[in-house]
Amino acid sequence: MRPHFWLLRGIVYTVGIWLVEYGTGWLLRKFTGKCPWDYSMFRWNIKGIVALEFGPVWFMFGLAFEKVHDALVKLTPAITQVLTR
């Protein structure tokens, strides 16, 4: 995703997070009857599982996580070296 414009990356991350959130919430409700979070009080919610109002938060979180990813990639050789000793 890195070669793409930041706006597109942020949108893709947001939609991806929503899909995981919805899928996880739906499965939890299906198998346990409950979902640990309830967004039904938000105006733009999807079955109380996803709140579209959190879009800007997930957008920024996705872009910020790129920095975390970069740091983890830099650490990987050192971690691999320690683990293979």
N, C-alpha and C. Protein backbone atom coordinates (compact mmCIF):
# COMPACT_ATOMS: atom_id res chain seq x y z
N MET A 1 0.81 -1.21 0.00
CA MET A 1 0.00 0.00 0.00
C MET A 1 0.85 1.27 0.00
N ARG A 2 2.09 1.18 0.45
CA ARG A 2 2.91 2.38 0.61
C ARG A 2 3.06 3.25 -0.64
N PRO A 3 3.18 2.65 -1.80
CA PRO A 3 3.33 3.51 -2.98
C PRO A 3 2.09 4.36 -3.28
N HIS A 4 0.97 4.00 -2.70
CA HIS A 4 -0.27 4.73 -2.98
C HIS A 4 -0.37 5.99 -2.12
N PHE A 5 -1.17 6.91 -2.60
CA PHE A 5 -1.41 8.19 -1.93
C PHE A 5 -1.98 7.93 -0.54
N TRP A 6 -1.57 8.75 0.44
CA TRP A 6 -1.95 8.56 1.84
C TRP A 6 -3.46 8.51 2.03
N LEU A 7 -4.21 9.28 1.25
CA LEU A 7 -5.67 9.30 1.39
C LEU A 7 -6.26 7.93 1.04
N LEU A 8 -5.78 7.34 -0.03
CA LEU A 8 -6.26 6.01 -0.42
C LEU A 8 -5.87 4.97 0.63
N ARG A 9 -4.65 5.04 1.13
CA ARG A 9 -4.20 4.10 2.17
C ARG A 9 -5.09 4.22 3.41
N GLY A 10 -5.36 5.44 3.84
CA GLY A 10 -6.20 5.65 5.01
C GLY A 10 -7.60 5.10 4.83
N ILE A 11 -8.16 5.27 3.65
CA ILE A 11 -9.50 4.74 3.37
C ILE A 11 -9.48 3.22 3.39
N VAL A 12 -8.47 2.62 2.79
CA VAL A 12 -8.36 1.15 2.78
C VAL A 12 -8.20 0.62 4.20
N TYR A 13 -7.37 1.26 5.01
CA TYR A 13 -7.19 0.83 6.40
C TYR A 13 -8.51 0.94 7.17
N THR A 14 -9.22 2.04 6.97
CA THR A 14 -10.49 2.24 7.67
C THR A 14 -11.50 1.15 7.31
N VAL A 15 -11.66 0.91 6.04
CA VAL A 15 -12.61 -0.13 5.59
C VAL A 15 -12.18 -1.50 6.10
N GLY A 16 -10.88 -1.77 6.07
CA GLY A 16 -10.38 -3.04 6.59
C GLY A 16 -10.67 -3.22 8.07
N ILE A 17 -10.46 -2.18 8.84
CA ILE A 17 -10.75 -2.24 10.28
C ILE A 17 -12.24 -2.45 10.51
N TRP A 18 -13.07 -1.74 9.76
CA TRP A 18 -14.52 -1.92 9.90
C TRP A 18 -14.93 -3.35 9.56
N LEU A 19 -14.34 -3.93 8.51
CA LEU A 19 -14.69 -5.29 8.13
C LEU A 19 -14.31 -6.29 9.22
N VAL A 20 -13.13 -6.12 9.80
CA VAL A 20 -12.70 -7.01 10.88
C VAL A 20 -13.59 -6.81 12.10
N GLU A 21 -13.89 -5.55 12.42
CA GLU A 21 -14.74 -5.26 13.57
C GLU A 21 -16.13 -5.86 13.38
N TYR A 22 -16.69 -5.67 12.20
CA TYR A 22 -18.03 -6.21 11.93
C TYR A 22 -18.01 -7.73 11.96
N GLY A 23 -17.06 -8.33 11.27
CA GLY A 23 -16.98 -9.78 11.22
C GLY A 23 -16.80 -10.40 12.59
N THR A 24 -15.92 -9.81 13.40
CA THR A 24 -15.70 -10.31 14.75
C THR A 24 -16.94 -10.15 15.61
N GLY A 25 -17.55 -8.98 15.56
CA GLY A 25 -18.76 -8.73 16.34
C GLY A 25 -19.91 -9.64 15.93
N TRP A 26 -20.05 -9.84 14.63
CA TRP A 26 -21.12 -10.71 14.12
C TRP A 26 -20.91 -12.14 14.58
N LEU A 27 -19.67 -12.64 14.48
CA LEU A 27 -19.39 -14.00 14.92
C LEU A 27 -19.62 -14.17 16.43
N LEU A 28 -19.17 -13.19 17.20
CA LEU A 28 -19.39 -13.27 18.65
C LEU A 28 -20.87 -13.32 18.98
N ARG A 29 -21.66 -12.48 18.32
CA ARG A 29 -23.12 -12.50 18.57
C ARG A 29 -23.73 -13.82 18.15
N LYS A 30 -23.26 -14.34 17.02
CA LYS A 30 -23.83 -15.59 16.51
C LYS A 30 -23.55 -16.76 17.46
N PHE A 31 -22.34 -16.84 17.98
CA PHE A 31 -21.97 -18.00 18.79
C PHE A 31 -22.15 -17.83 20.29
N THR A 32 -22.16 -16.58 20.77
CA THR A 32 -22.34 -16.38 22.21
C THR A 32 -23.60 -15.61 22.55
N GLY A 33 -24.20 -14.99 21.54
CA GLY A 33 -25.40 -14.19 21.78
C GLY A 33 -25.10 -12.77 22.20
N LYS A 34 -23.81 -12.46 22.39
CA LYS A 34 -23.42 -11.12 22.84
C LYS A 34 -22.19 -10.64 22.08
N CYS A 35 -22.08 -9.33 22.03
CA CYS A 35 -20.89 -8.68 21.48
C CYS A 35 -20.36 -7.76 22.58
N PRO A 36 -19.07 -7.77 22.86
CA PRO A 36 -18.54 -6.97 23.96
C PRO A 36 -18.72 -5.47 23.78
N TRP A 37 -18.92 -5.02 22.57
CA TRP A 37 -19.14 -3.60 22.35
C TRP A 37 -20.52 -3.42 21.73
N ASP A 38 -21.11 -2.27 22.00
CA ASP A 38 -22.44 -1.97 21.50
C ASP A 38 -22.48 -0.51 21.04
N TYR A 39 -22.53 -0.32 19.75
CA TYR A 39 -22.55 1.03 19.18
C TYR A 39 -23.96 1.46 18.76
N SER A 40 -24.97 0.78 19.28
CA SER A 40 -26.34 1.09 18.86
C SER A 40 -26.78 2.50 19.24
N MET A 41 -26.08 3.14 20.20
CA MET A 41 -26.46 4.50 20.58
C MET A 41 -25.92 5.56 19.61
N PHE A 42 -25.03 5.14 18.70
CA PHE A 42 -24.49 6.07 17.71
C PHE A 42 -25.45 6.19 16.54
N ARG A 43 -25.49 7.35 15.97
CA ARG A 43 -26.44 7.62 14.89
C ARG A 43 -26.18 6.75 13.66
N TRP A 44 -24.92 6.67 13.26
CA TRP A 44 -24.57 5.91 12.05
C TRP A 44 -23.89 4.60 12.45
N ASN A 45 -24.68 3.70 12.99
CA ASN A 45 -24.14 2.39 13.37
C ASN A 45 -24.68 1.33 12.42
N ILE A 46 -23.95 0.25 12.33
CA ILE A 46 -24.38 -0.89 11.53
C ILE A 46 -24.63 -2.04 12.50
N LYS A 47 -25.91 -2.29 12.75
CA LYS A 47 -26.37 -3.34 13.66
C LYS A 47 -25.72 -3.25 15.04
N GLY A 48 -25.31 -2.06 15.42
CA GLY A 48 -24.70 -1.86 16.73
C GLY A 48 -23.28 -2.39 16.84
N ILE A 49 -22.76 -2.95 15.75
CA ILE A 49 -21.43 -3.57 15.77
C ILE A 49 -20.36 -2.60 15.31
N VAL A 50 -20.69 -1.76 14.36
CA VAL A 50 -19.74 -0.79 13.81
C VAL A 50 -20.36 0.59 13.90
N ALA A 51 -19.57 1.57 14.32
CA ALA A 51 -20.02 2.96 14.33
C ALA A 51 -19.21 3.72 13.28
N LEU A 52 -19.90 4.19 12.26
CA LEU A 52 -19.21 4.91 11.19
C LEU A 52 -18.59 6.21 11.68
N GLU A 53 -19.07 6.71 12.82
CA GLU A 53 -18.50 7.93 13.40
C GLU A 53 -17.02 7.77 13.75
N PHE A 54 -16.59 6.53 13.95
CA PHE A 54 -15.19 6.28 14.29
C PHE A 54 -14.28 6.26 13.05
N GLY A 55 -14.83 6.51 11.89
CA GLY A 55 -14.05 6.51 10.66
C GLY A 55 -12.77 7.33 10.74
N PRO A 56 -12.85 8.59 11.17
CA PRO A 56 -11.62 9.39 11.25
C PRO A 56 -10.58 8.81 12.21
N VAL A 57 -11.05 8.20 13.29
CA VAL A 57 -10.13 7.58 14.26
C VAL A 57 -9.42 6.42 13.61
N TRP A 58 -10.15 5.53 12.93
CA TRP A 58 -9.54 4.38 12.28
C TRP A 58 -8.64 4.81 11.13
N PHE A 59 -9.02 5.87 10.45
CA PHE A 59 -8.20 6.41 9.35
C PHE A 59 -6.83 6.81 9.89
N MET A 60 -6.82 7.59 10.96
CA MET A 60 -5.56 8.06 11.55
C MET A 60 -4.79 6.90 12.19
N PHE A 61 -5.50 5.98 12.83
CA PHE A 61 -4.86 4.82 13.45
C PHE A 61 -4.14 3.99 12.40
N GLY A 62 -4.79 3.76 11.27
CA GLY A 62 -4.18 2.98 10.19
C GLY A 62 -2.91 3.61 9.68
N LEU A 63 -2.94 4.92 9.46
CA LEU A 63 -1.74 5.61 8.98
C LEU A 63 -0.65 5.63 10.04
N ALA A 64 -1.04 5.81 11.30
CA ALA A 64 -0.05 5.82 12.39
C ALA A 64 0.58 4.44 12.55
N PHE A 65 -0.20 3.40 12.32
CA PHE A 65 0.33 2.06 12.48
C PHE A 65 1.41 1.75 11.44
N GLU A 66 1.44 2.49 10.33
CA GLU A 66 2.53 2.32 9.37
C GLU A 66 3.87 2.58 10.05
N LYS A 67 3.91 3.55 10.94
CA LYS A 67 5.16 3.87 11.68
C LYS A 67 5.54 2.72 12.60
N VAL A 68 4.55 2.12 13.26
CA VAL A 68 4.80 0.97 14.12
C VAL A 68 5.32 -0.19 13.28
N HIS A 69 4.71 -0.39 12.13
CA HIS A 69 5.14 -1.45 11.21
C HIS A 69 6.60 -1.24 10.81
N ASP A 70 6.96 -0.01 10.47
CA ASP A 70 8.34 0.28 10.07
C ASP A 70 9.32 -0.05 11.20
N ALA A 71 8.96 0.30 12.42
CA ALA A 71 9.83 0.01 13.56
C ALA A 71 9.97 -1.49 13.77
N LEU A 72 8.88 -2.23 13.63
CA LEU A 72 8.95 -3.68 13.79
C LEU A 72 9.78 -4.33 12.69
N VAL A 73 9.68 -3.82 11.49
CA VAL A 73 10.49 -4.36 10.39
C VAL A 73 11.97 -4.14 10.67
N LYS A 74 12.33 -2.97 11.22
CA LYS A 74 13.73 -2.70 11.55
C LYS A 74 14.23 -3.62 12.66
N LEU A 75 13.36 -3.99 13.59
CA LEU A 75 13.73 -4.87 14.70
C LEU A 75 13.82 -6.34 14.30
N THR A 76 13.16 -6.72 13.23
CA THR A 76 13.07 -8.12 12.86
C THR A 76 14.42 -8.82 12.71
N PRO A 77 15.40 -8.25 12.03
CA PRO A 77 16.70 -8.95 11.94
C PRO A 77 17.33 -9.20 13.30
N ALA A 78 17.26 -8.23 14.20
CA ALA A 78 17.85 -8.40 15.53
C ALA A 78 17.09 -9.47 16.32
N ILE A 79 15.78 -9.47 16.23
CA ILE A 79 14.96 -10.47 16.93
C ILE A 79 15.25 -11.86 16.37
N THR A 80 15.31 -11.97 15.05
CA THR A 80 15.60 -13.26 14.42
C THR A 80 16.96 -13.77 14.84
N GLN A 81 17.93 -12.89 14.91
CA GLN A 81 19.29 -13.28 15.29
C GLN A 81 19.31 -13.81 16.73
N VAL A 82 18.61 -13.15 17.63
CA VAL A 82 18.56 -13.59 19.02
C VAL A 82 17.86 -14.95 19.14
N LEU A 83 16.78 -15.11 18.41
CA LEU A 83 15.99 -16.35 18.50
C LEU A 83 16.67 -17.55 17.86
N THR A 84 17.55 -17.33 16.93
CA THR A 84 18.20 -18.45 16.22
C THR A 84 19.54 -18.82 16.82
N ARG A 85 19.93 -18.21 17.92
CA ARG A 85 21.20 -18.56 18.56
C ARG A 85 21.11 -19.86 19.27
